[in-house]
Amino acid sequence: MTAPASPICEISFRVRYVECDPMGYLHHSCYLVYMEMGRVELLRQSGHTYRQLEADGALFVVTKAEINYRRPAHYDDQLRLRLWLTRTTAVRFEHAYELYHADTNLLLATAATTIACVDRTGTVQPIPAHILAPAAPTQK
């Protein structure tokens, strides 16, 4: 995994029953949901919100996702997701992720995504300059 070149965001959460398959393992599709949760928090950490970006007409779509599953997670496991930006271009962000079991600190998965900025018609557009410039962190 690429070493973080930007601020790291960490979130913690517990695997819910509904996210597990009949064998009791965290379903593979939930990892994508967790990555989106992390991206929302990373953006919030930088002083922006998806709600405001969407209101301003800047939408972000996943154009590439890669997940390497290393160990399974189970119902009620406490997990910790770390993510950071690895690359920014005029129209896209690339993120890296590491998912850990919070109690054992075992690495469960690594991942990478690319998200592109589009307008409401789906046409690629430049990322607004105010998003690229750090904003004042939001208050909790």
N, C-alpha and C. Protein backbone atom coordinates (compact mmCIF):
# COMPACT_ATOMS: atom_id res chain seq x y z
N MET A 1 0.85 -1.18 0.00
CA MET A 1 0.00 0.00 0.00
C MET A 1 0.89 1.23 0.00
N THR A 2 0.49 2.23 -0.74
CA THR A 2 1.23 3.48 -0.84
C THR A 2 1.24 4.20 0.50
N ALA A 3 2.39 4.74 0.90
CA ALA A 3 2.49 5.48 2.15
C ALA A 3 1.64 6.74 2.06
N PRO A 4 0.94 7.10 3.14
CA PRO A 4 0.09 8.29 3.11
C PRO A 4 0.88 9.56 2.80
N ALA A 5 0.42 10.32 1.80
CA ALA A 5 1.04 11.60 1.46
C ALA A 5 0.15 12.74 1.92
N SER A 6 -1.01 12.42 2.44
CA SER A 6 -1.97 13.43 2.88
C SER A 6 -2.51 13.02 4.24
N PRO A 7 -3.31 13.87 4.85
CA PRO A 7 -3.87 13.51 6.16
C PRO A 7 -4.63 12.19 6.11
N ILE A 8 -4.50 11.45 7.17
CA ILE A 8 -5.18 10.17 7.30
C ILE A 8 -6.49 10.39 8.05
N CYS A 9 -7.52 9.74 7.58
CA CYS A 9 -8.80 9.74 8.28
C CYS A 9 -9.01 8.34 8.84
N GLU A 10 -9.48 8.24 10.06
CA GLU A 10 -9.80 6.95 10.66
C GLU A 10 -11.22 6.98 11.18
N ILE A 11 -11.96 5.92 10.88
CA ILE A 11 -13.29 5.76 11.44
C ILE A 11 -13.40 4.36 12.03
N SER A 12 -14.23 4.22 13.03
CA SER A 12 -14.48 2.92 13.66
C SER A 12 -15.97 2.62 13.60
N PHE A 13 -16.29 1.37 13.49
CA PHE A 13 -17.68 0.94 13.43
C PHE A 13 -17.74 -0.55 13.74
N ARG A 14 -18.94 -1.03 13.98
CA ARG A 14 -19.15 -2.43 14.30
C ARG A 14 -19.90 -3.11 13.15
N VAL A 15 -19.53 -4.34 12.84
CA VAL A 15 -20.21 -5.10 11.78
C VAL A 15 -21.61 -5.44 12.27
N ARG A 16 -22.59 -5.03 11.48
CA ARG A 16 -23.98 -5.30 11.83
C ARG A 16 -24.42 -6.66 11.29
N TYR A 17 -25.40 -7.24 11.92
CA TYR A 17 -25.93 -8.55 11.53
C TYR A 17 -26.36 -8.57 10.07
N VAL A 18 -27.05 -7.50 9.65
CA VAL A 18 -27.57 -7.42 8.29
C VAL A 18 -26.46 -7.40 7.24
N GLU A 19 -25.23 -7.11 7.63
CA GLU A 19 -24.11 -7.04 6.69
C GLU A 19 -23.40 -8.38 6.50
N CYS A 20 -23.89 -9.41 7.16
CA CYS A 20 -23.22 -10.73 7.11
C CYS A 20 -23.95 -11.69 6.19
N ASP A 21 -23.16 -12.59 5.61
CA ASP A 21 -23.74 -13.64 4.77
C ASP A 21 -24.22 -14.79 5.66
N PRO A 22 -24.86 -15.82 5.09
CA PRO A 22 -25.36 -16.93 5.91
C PRO A 22 -24.28 -17.68 6.70
N MET A 23 -23.01 -17.53 6.32
CA MET A 23 -21.93 -18.20 7.05
C MET A 23 -21.44 -17.36 8.23
N GLY A 24 -21.97 -16.13 8.36
CA GLY A 24 -21.58 -15.26 9.46
C GLY A 24 -20.42 -14.33 9.15
N TYR A 25 -19.99 -14.32 7.91
CA TYR A 25 -18.89 -13.44 7.49
C TYR A 25 -19.45 -12.12 6.97
N LEU A 26 -18.68 -11.05 7.14
CA LEU A 26 -19.03 -9.76 6.56
C LEU A 26 -19.08 -9.95 5.04
N HIS A 27 -20.20 -9.56 4.41
CA HIS A 27 -20.36 -9.73 2.97
C HIS A 27 -19.41 -8.80 2.22
N HIS A 28 -18.84 -9.29 1.15
CA HIS A 28 -17.83 -8.53 0.41
C HIS A 28 -18.35 -7.17 -0.08
N SER A 29 -19.63 -7.04 -0.38
CA SER A 29 -20.16 -5.78 -0.89
C SER A 29 -20.13 -4.66 0.14
N CYS A 30 -20.12 -5.00 1.41
CA CYS A 30 -20.15 -3.98 2.48
C CYS A 30 -18.85 -3.19 2.56
N TYR A 31 -17.78 -3.75 2.07
CA TYR A 31 -16.51 -3.03 2.11
C TYR A 31 -16.60 -1.73 1.31
N LEU A 32 -17.34 -1.76 0.20
CA LEU A 32 -17.52 -0.54 -0.60
C LEU A 32 -18.31 0.52 0.17
N VAL A 33 -19.29 0.09 0.93
CA VAL A 33 -20.07 1.01 1.76
C VAL A 33 -19.16 1.64 2.82
N TYR A 34 -18.33 0.83 3.44
CA TYR A 34 -17.41 1.34 4.46
C TYR A 34 -16.43 2.36 3.87
N MET A 35 -15.97 2.08 2.63
CA MET A 35 -15.05 3.03 2.00
C MET A 35 -15.75 4.37 1.74
N GLU A 36 -17.00 4.31 1.35
CA GLU A 36 -17.73 5.57 1.15
C GLU A 36 -17.92 6.31 2.46
N MET A 37 -18.21 5.59 3.53
CA MET A 37 -18.30 6.23 4.84
C MET A 37 -17.00 6.96 5.16
N GLY A 38 -15.88 6.33 4.87
CA GLY A 38 -14.58 6.93 5.13
C GLY A 38 -14.35 8.17 4.28
N ARG A 39 -14.71 8.10 3.00
CA ARG A 39 -14.52 9.27 2.12
C ARG A 39 -15.35 10.46 2.59
N VAL A 40 -16.57 10.20 3.05
CA VAL A 40 -17.42 11.27 3.56
C VAL A 40 -16.76 11.92 4.78
N GLU A 41 -16.19 11.13 5.66
CA GLU A 41 -15.54 11.68 6.85
C GLU A 41 -14.24 12.39 6.52
N LEU A 42 -13.48 11.87 5.55
CA LEU A 42 -12.25 12.54 5.12
C LEU A 42 -12.59 13.92 4.54
N LEU A 43 -13.63 13.99 3.76
CA LEU A 43 -14.07 15.27 3.20
C LEU A 43 -14.50 16.22 4.33
N ARG A 44 -15.26 15.70 5.28
CA ARG A 44 -15.71 16.51 6.42
C ARG A 44 -14.50 17.01 7.22
N GLN A 45 -13.52 16.16 7.38
CA GLN A 45 -12.29 16.51 8.11
C GLN A 45 -11.57 17.68 7.43
N SER A 46 -11.73 17.78 6.10
CA SER A 46 -11.09 18.88 5.36
C SER A 46 -11.95 20.14 5.33
N GLY A 47 -13.10 20.10 5.98
CA GLY A 47 -13.95 21.28 6.08
C GLY A 47 -15.06 21.37 5.06
N HIS A 48 -15.34 20.28 4.35
CA HIS A 48 -16.39 20.27 3.33
C HIS A 48 -17.38 19.16 3.63
N THR A 49 -18.55 19.22 2.99
CA THR A 49 -19.53 18.14 3.11
C THR A 49 -20.03 17.76 1.72
N TYR A 50 -20.39 16.49 1.55
CA TYR A 50 -20.97 16.07 0.28
C TYR A 50 -22.27 16.80 0.02
N ARG A 51 -23.03 17.05 1.07
CA ARG A 51 -24.30 17.76 0.90
C ARG A 51 -24.08 19.11 0.21
N GLN A 52 -23.08 19.86 0.67
CA GLN A 52 -22.82 21.17 0.08
C GLN A 52 -22.26 21.04 -1.33
N LEU A 53 -21.38 20.06 -1.55
CA LEU A 53 -20.84 19.87 -2.91
C LEU A 53 -21.95 19.55 -3.90
N GLU A 54 -22.86 18.68 -3.50
CA GLU A 54 -23.97 18.33 -4.38
C GLU A 54 -24.87 19.54 -4.62
N ALA A 55 -25.10 20.34 -3.59
CA ALA A 55 -25.90 21.56 -3.75
C ALA A 55 -25.23 22.52 -4.73
N ASP A 56 -23.90 22.51 -4.74
CA ASP A 56 -23.14 23.37 -5.66
C ASP A 56 -23.00 22.75 -7.06
N GLY A 57 -23.51 21.55 -7.25
CA GLY A 57 -23.47 20.91 -8.57
C GLY A 57 -22.25 20.05 -8.83
N ALA A 58 -21.42 19.81 -7.82
CA ALA A 58 -20.24 18.95 -7.98
C ALA A 58 -20.56 17.58 -7.40
N LEU A 59 -20.67 16.60 -8.26
CA LEU A 59 -20.98 15.24 -7.84
C LEU A 59 -19.74 14.37 -8.06
N PHE A 60 -19.58 13.35 -7.24
CA PHE A 60 -18.43 12.47 -7.37
C PHE A 60 -18.91 11.04 -7.56
N VAL A 61 -18.36 10.38 -8.58
CA VAL A 61 -18.74 9.02 -8.90
C VAL A 61 -17.51 8.12 -8.84
N VAL A 62 -17.71 6.91 -8.38
CA VAL A 62 -16.62 5.93 -8.34
C VAL A 62 -16.40 5.43 -9.75
N THR A 63 -15.18 5.55 -10.24
CA THR A 63 -14.85 5.06 -11.57
C THR A 63 -13.98 3.80 -11.52
N LYS A 64 -13.41 3.53 -10.35
CA LYS A 64 -12.57 2.34 -10.19
C LYS A 64 -12.53 1.96 -8.71
N ALA A 65 -12.64 0.68 -8.44
CA ALA A 65 -12.53 0.17 -7.07
C ALA A 65 -11.78 -1.15 -7.11
N GLU A 66 -10.84 -1.28 -6.19
CA GLU A 66 -10.06 -2.51 -6.08
C GLU A 66 -9.96 -2.86 -4.60
N ILE A 67 -10.31 -4.11 -4.27
CA ILE A 67 -10.26 -4.55 -2.88
C ILE A 67 -9.47 -5.86 -2.82
N ASN A 68 -8.54 -5.93 -1.88
CA ASN A 68 -7.79 -7.16 -1.61
C ASN A 68 -8.22 -7.66 -0.24
N TYR A 69 -8.97 -8.76 -0.24
CA TYR A 69 -9.48 -9.34 1.00
C TYR A 69 -8.41 -10.25 1.58
N ARG A 70 -8.04 -10.00 2.84
CA ARG A 70 -6.96 -10.78 3.47
C ARG A 70 -7.46 -11.71 4.55
N ARG A 71 -8.39 -11.23 5.36
CA ARG A 71 -8.96 -12.03 6.45
C ARG A 71 -10.44 -11.65 6.58
N PRO A 72 -11.27 -12.57 7.05
CA PRO A 72 -12.69 -12.24 7.17
C PRO A 72 -13.00 -11.44 8.45
N ALA A 73 -14.09 -10.72 8.38
CA ALA A 73 -14.65 -10.08 9.56
C ALA A 73 -15.98 -10.78 9.83
N HIS A 74 -16.44 -10.69 11.07
CA HIS A 74 -17.66 -11.38 11.49
C HIS A 74 -18.62 -10.41 12.17
N TYR A 75 -19.84 -10.87 12.31
CA TYR A 75 -20.86 -10.09 13.02
C TYR A 75 -20.33 -9.62 14.37
N ASP A 76 -20.57 -8.36 14.66
CA ASP A 76 -20.25 -7.69 15.92
C ASP A 76 -18.77 -7.37 16.11
N ASP A 77 -17.93 -7.67 15.12
CA ASP A 77 -16.52 -7.26 15.20
C ASP A 77 -16.45 -5.73 15.14
N GLN A 78 -15.57 -5.17 15.94
CA GLN A 78 -15.29 -3.74 15.88
C GLN A 78 -14.16 -3.55 14.87
N LEU A 79 -14.40 -2.71 13.85
CA LEU A 79 -13.44 -2.49 12.78
C LEU A 79 -12.94 -1.05 12.79
N ARG A 80 -11.76 -0.86 12.20
CA ARG A 80 -11.17 0.47 12.07
C ARG A 80 -10.69 0.62 10.63
N LEU A 81 -11.18 1.67 9.98
CA LEU A 81 -10.81 1.96 8.60
C LEU A 81 -9.91 3.18 8.57
N ARG A 82 -8.76 3.05 7.90
CA ARG A 82 -7.84 4.17 7.66
C ARG A 82 -7.87 4.47 6.18
N LEU A 83 -7.92 5.74 5.81
CA LEU A 83 -7.87 6.09 4.41
C LEU A 83 -7.18 7.42 4.22
N TRP A 84 -6.68 7.63 3.00
CA TRP A 84 -5.99 8.87 2.66
C TRP A 84 -6.01 9.03 1.15
N LEU A 85 -5.79 10.27 0.73
CA LEU A 85 -5.65 10.57 -0.69
C LEU A 85 -4.26 10.16 -1.16
N THR A 86 -4.18 9.49 -2.29
CA THR A 86 -2.88 9.14 -2.86
C THR A 86 -2.54 9.99 -4.06
N ARG A 87 -3.59 10.54 -4.72
CA ARG A 87 -3.36 11.35 -5.91
C ARG A 87 -4.58 12.22 -6.17
N THR A 88 -4.31 13.43 -6.62
CA THR A 88 -5.37 14.35 -7.02
C THR A 88 -5.03 14.89 -8.40
N THR A 89 -5.99 14.88 -9.30
CA THR A 89 -5.82 15.50 -10.61
C THR A 89 -6.87 16.59 -10.75
N ALA A 90 -6.97 17.18 -11.90
CA ALA A 90 -7.96 18.25 -12.12
C ALA A 90 -9.39 17.74 -12.01
N VAL A 91 -9.60 16.42 -12.24
CA VAL A 91 -10.96 15.89 -12.26
C VAL A 91 -11.20 14.68 -11.35
N ARG A 92 -10.16 14.19 -10.69
CA ARG A 92 -10.38 12.99 -9.87
C ARG A 92 -9.51 12.95 -8.62
N PHE A 93 -10.00 12.14 -7.68
CA PHE A 93 -9.27 11.83 -6.45
C PHE A 93 -9.02 10.32 -6.42
N GLU A 94 -7.85 9.93 -5.95
CA GLU A 94 -7.55 8.52 -5.74
C GLU A 94 -7.29 8.33 -4.25
N HIS A 95 -7.92 7.30 -3.67
CA HIS A 95 -7.80 7.02 -2.24
C HIS A 95 -7.21 5.64 -2.02
N ALA A 96 -6.56 5.47 -0.87
CA ALA A 96 -6.09 4.16 -0.41
C ALA A 96 -6.74 3.89 0.93
N TYR A 97 -6.97 2.61 1.23
CA TYR A 97 -7.68 2.19 2.44
C TYR A 97 -6.99 1.00 3.08
N GLU A 98 -7.09 0.94 4.39
CA GLU A 98 -6.68 -0.24 5.15
C GLU A 98 -7.78 -0.49 6.18
N LEU A 99 -8.29 -1.71 6.21
CA LEU A 99 -9.34 -2.08 7.16
C LEU A 99 -8.76 -3.05 8.17
N TYR A 100 -8.88 -2.71 9.45
CA TYR A 100 -8.32 -3.51 10.54
C TYR A 100 -9.40 -4.01 11.48
N HIS A 101 -9.15 -5.16 12.09
CA HIS A 101 -9.94 -5.60 13.24
C HIS A 101 -9.46 -4.76 14.41
N ALA A 102 -10.34 -4.03 15.05
CA ALA A 102 -9.92 -3.07 16.07
C ALA A 102 -9.29 -3.73 17.30
N ASP A 103 -9.78 -4.89 17.70
CA ASP A 103 -9.26 -5.54 18.92
C ASP A 103 -7.91 -6.22 18.71
N THR A 104 -7.72 -6.84 17.54
CA THR A 104 -6.49 -7.59 17.29
C THR A 104 -5.49 -6.81 16.45
N ASN A 105 -5.95 -5.73 15.82
CA ASN A 105 -5.14 -4.93 14.91
C ASN A 105 -4.70 -5.71 13.67
N LEU A 106 -5.36 -6.81 13.37
CA LEU A 106 -5.06 -7.58 12.16
C LEU A 106 -5.60 -6.84 10.94
N LEU A 107 -4.80 -6.80 9.88
CA LEU A 107 -5.22 -6.18 8.64
C LEU A 107 -6.18 -7.12 7.92
N LEU A 108 -7.40 -6.65 7.67
CA LEU A 108 -8.42 -7.48 7.02
C LEU A 108 -8.49 -7.27 5.53
N ALA A 109 -8.24 -6.02 5.09
CA ALA A 109 -8.34 -5.73 3.66
C ALA A 109 -7.58 -4.45 3.34
N THR A 110 -7.12 -4.37 2.11
CA THR A 110 -6.58 -3.12 1.57
C THR A 110 -7.40 -2.81 0.34
N ALA A 111 -7.47 -1.53 -0.01
CA ALA A 111 -8.29 -1.15 -1.15
C ALA A 111 -7.81 0.16 -1.73
N ALA A 112 -8.31 0.44 -2.93
CA ALA A 112 -8.04 1.71 -3.61
C ALA A 112 -9.26 2.06 -4.44
N THR A 113 -9.58 3.34 -4.51
CA THR A 113 -10.66 3.80 -5.36
C THR A 113 -10.23 5.05 -6.12
N THR A 114 -10.88 5.26 -7.24
CA THR A 114 -10.77 6.51 -7.99
C THR A 114 -12.17 7.07 -8.10
N ILE A 115 -12.32 8.35 -7.76
CA ILE A 115 -13.61 9.01 -7.93
C ILE A 115 -13.41 10.23 -8.81
N ALA A 116 -14.37 10.44 -9.72
CA ALA A 116 -14.29 11.56 -10.66
C ALA A 116 -15.39 12.57 -10.36
N CYS A 117 -15.10 13.81 -10.65
CA CYS A 117 -16.05 14.89 -10.47
C CYS A 117 -16.89 15.02 -11.75
N VAL A 118 -18.21 15.02 -11.60
CA VAL A 118 -19.12 15.17 -12.73
C VAL A 118 -20.19 16.19 -12.39
N ASP A 119 -20.86 16.69 -13.44
CA ASP A 119 -22.00 17.57 -13.20
C ASP A 119 -23.27 16.72 -13.16
N ARG A 120 -24.41 17.37 -13.07
CA ARG A 120 -25.68 16.64 -12.94
C ARG A 120 -26.04 15.81 -14.17
N THR A 121 -25.41 16.08 -15.32
CA THR A 121 -25.67 15.28 -16.52
C THR A 121 -24.70 14.10 -16.63
N GLY A 122 -23.73 14.02 -15.71
CA GLY A 122 -22.74 12.96 -15.75
C GLY A 122 -21.51 13.30 -16.56
N THR A 123 -21.40 14.54 -16.99
CA THR A 123 -20.24 14.98 -17.75
C THR A 123 -19.09 15.31 -16.80
N VAL A 124 -17.92 14.79 -17.10
CA VAL A 124 -16.75 15.05 -16.27
C VAL A 124 -16.49 16.56 -16.23
N GLN A 125 -16.20 17.05 -15.04
CA GLN A 125 -15.90 18.47 -14.88
C GLN A 125 -14.73 18.62 -13.92
N PRO A 126 -14.04 19.76 -13.97
CA PRO A 126 -12.94 19.99 -13.02
C PRO A 126 -13.46 20.03 -11.58
N ILE A 127 -12.64 19.55 -10.68
CA ILE A 127 -12.97 19.66 -9.25
C ILE A 127 -12.94 21.14 -8.90
N PRO A 128 -14.00 21.64 -8.26
CA PRO A 128 -14.02 23.07 -7.90
C PRO A 128 -12.80 23.45 -7.06
N ALA A 129 -12.23 24.61 -7.36
CA ALA A 129 -11.01 25.07 -6.70
C ALA A 129 -11.16 25.14 -5.18
N HIS A 130 -12.33 25.52 -4.69
CA HIS A 130 -12.51 25.64 -3.24
C HIS A 130 -12.45 24.29 -2.53
N ILE A 131 -12.66 23.21 -3.27
CA ILE A 131 -12.55 21.87 -2.68
C ILE A 131 -11.08 21.47 -2.58
N LEU A 132 -10.30 21.86 -3.57
CA LEU A 132 -8.88 21.52 -3.57
C LEU A 132 -8.11 22.30 -2.52
N ALA A 133 -8.57 23.51 -2.21
CA ALA A 133 -7.94 24.32 -1.17
C ALA A 133 -8.54 23.92 0.17
N PRO A 134 -7.70 23.63 1.17
CA PRO A 134 -8.23 23.23 2.47
C PRO A 134 -9.14 24.29 3.05
N ALA A 135 -10.27 23.86 3.55
CA ALA A 135 -11.20 24.75 4.24
C ALA A 135 -10.97 24.66 5.74
N ALA A 136 -11.59 25.52 6.47
CA ALA A 136 -11.50 25.45 7.93
C ALA A 136 -12.21 24.18 8.37
N PRO A 137 -11.59 23.40 9.29
CA PRO A 137 -12.24 22.17 9.76
C PRO A 137 -13.59 22.47 10.38
N THR A 138 -14.54 21.54 10.16
CA THR A 138 -15.87 21.72 10.73
C THR A 138 -15.84 21.41 12.22
N GLN A 139 -16.73 22.03 12.94
CA GLN A 139 -16.85 21.81 14.38
C GLN A 139 -17.78 20.63 14.61
N LYS A 140 -17.48 19.84 15.61
CA LYS A 140 -18.33 18.68 15.93
C LYS A 140 -19.32 19.05 17.00
